[in-house]
Protein backbone atom coordinates (compact mmCIF):
# COMPACT_ATOMS: atom_id res chain seq x y z
CA MET A 1 -13.05 2.23 42.56
CA PRO A 2 -10.14 3.05 40.21
CA ASP A 3 -9.33 0.70 37.34
CA PRO A 4 -5.93 -1.01 37.65
CA LEU A 5 -3.50 -0.20 34.84
CA ARG A 6 -0.04 -1.73 34.31
CA VAL A 7 2.12 0.97 32.72
CA LEU A 8 5.53 0.61 31.13
CA PHE A 9 7.20 4.03 31.19
CA LEU A 10 10.25 4.38 28.95
CA GLY A 11 12.57 7.28 29.52
CA ALA A 12 14.03 9.66 32.00
CA GLY A 13 10.96 11.88 31.80
CA ASP A 14 8.53 12.73 34.52
CA ALA A 15 6.78 9.45 35.35
CA GLU A 16 5.24 11.06 38.44
CA SER A 17 3.29 13.54 36.29
CA VAL A 18 2.04 10.73 34.06
CA GLU A 19 1.01 8.74 37.13
CA ALA A 20 -0.86 11.75 38.54
CA GLU A 21 -2.74 12.26 35.26
CA LEU A 22 -3.70 8.60 35.11
CA ARG A 23 -4.99 8.76 38.70
CA ARG A 24 -7.05 11.84 37.81
CA GLY A 25 -8.46 9.83 34.91
CA GLY A 26 -9.75 7.12 37.24
CA TYR A 27 -6.92 4.61 37.03
CA GLU A 28 -4.76 2.97 39.67
CA PRO A 29 -1.46 2.80 37.77
CA SER A 30 1.32 0.39 38.56
CA ILE A 31 4.33 1.85 36.76
CA VAL A 32 7.52 0.09 35.70
CA CYS A 33 10.14 2.63 34.58
CA ILE A 34 13.07 1.81 32.33
CA ASP A 35 15.68 4.04 30.78
CA GLY A 36 17.49 1.82 28.31
CA LYS A 37 17.05 -0.62 25.45
CA GLY A 38 18.67 -3.39 27.48
CA ASP A 39 15.83 -3.29 30.02
CA LEU A 40 13.06 -3.38 27.42
CA PRO A 41 12.72 -7.16 26.83
CA ALA A 42 12.27 -7.94 30.54
CA ALA A 43 9.87 -5.01 30.94
CA LEU A 44 7.75 -6.26 28.04
CA ASP A 45 7.61 -9.67 29.75
CA THR A 46 5.65 -8.05 32.62
CA ASN A 47 2.61 -7.80 30.28
CA PRO A 48 1.89 -4.08 30.61
CA ASP A 49 -1.48 -2.72 29.52
CA ILE A 50 0.06 0.39 27.96
CA ALA A 51 3.48 1.80 27.19
CA ILE A 52 4.27 5.48 27.52
CA CYS A 53 7.52 6.73 26.04
CA ASP A 54 9.47 9.95 26.18
CA SER A 55 10.09 10.87 22.53
CA VAL A 56 13.85 10.53 23.01
CA SER A 57 14.83 8.53 26.04
CA GLY A 58 18.42 7.41 26.38
CA ASP A 59 19.16 4.64 23.91
CA CYS A 60 15.52 3.58 23.62
CA GLY A 61 13.28 6.13 22.00
CA ALA A 62 9.78 5.68 20.64
CA LEU A 63 10.81 4.09 17.34
CA GLU A 64 13.05 1.53 19.04
CA ALA A 65 10.29 0.68 21.52
CA LEU A 66 7.75 0.29 18.72
CA ARG A 67 10.09 -2.06 16.84
CA ALA A 68 10.50 -4.23 19.94
CA ILE A 69 6.73 -4.31 20.53
CA GLN A 70 6.05 -5.19 16.89
CA GLU A 71 8.77 -7.87 16.77
CA ARG A 72 6.98 -9.63 19.62
CA ALA A 73 3.59 -9.09 17.96
CA LEU A 74 2.24 -7.57 21.17
CA ASP A 75 -1.09 -5.80 21.32
CA LEU A 76 0.42 -2.98 23.36
CA PRO A 77 -0.46 0.64 22.62
CA LEU A 78 2.43 3.08 22.90
CA ILE A 79 1.81 6.75 23.58
CA VAL A 80 4.63 9.18 22.92
CA VAL A 81 4.96 12.15 25.28
CA SER A 82 7.28 15.05 24.63
CA GLY A 83 8.14 18.57 25.57
CA LYS A 84 9.54 19.78 22.28
CA ILE A 85 9.65 17.54 19.24
CA LYS A 86 9.74 18.18 15.51
CA ASP A 87 6.55 17.50 13.60
CA SER A 88 8.44 15.09 11.37
CA ASP A 89 9.47 13.03 14.43
CA VAL A 90 5.86 12.91 15.64
CA LEU A 91 4.67 11.79 12.21
CA ALA A 92 7.40 9.14 12.04
CA ALA A 93 6.35 7.70 15.41
CA LEU A 94 2.67 7.70 14.44
CA ALA A 95 3.43 6.14 11.05
CA ALA A 96 5.48 3.45 12.80
CA GLY A 97 2.50 2.52 14.94
CA ALA A 98 2.37 4.78 17.99
CA ALA A 99 -1.17 5.00 19.34
CA ASP A 100 -0.96 8.73 20.07
CA HIS A 101 1.29 11.69 20.87
CA LEU A 102 0.89 14.14 23.73
CA THR A 103 2.90 17.29 24.29
């Protein structure tokens, strides 16, 4: 039986691909997608298990999402996914507290 997983997906990226990968990994994801900073506080109130963020997503990229998570002192891992991103941007996100980065 798959493990339930509440996912907050930030960005205009391909949430369907992320969902498919999570299902292949043995999870039953329930995904809430947002595309802007204004939607982030309410989305964080849903108590997700994990946040997955497109490296640059509208007005709420990985660094903005990390700041919001840290301001609330949430124990919420954030994984940054990207197609093309500069190494310096990856390092900045990891230094700011991102749990991981996937290309």
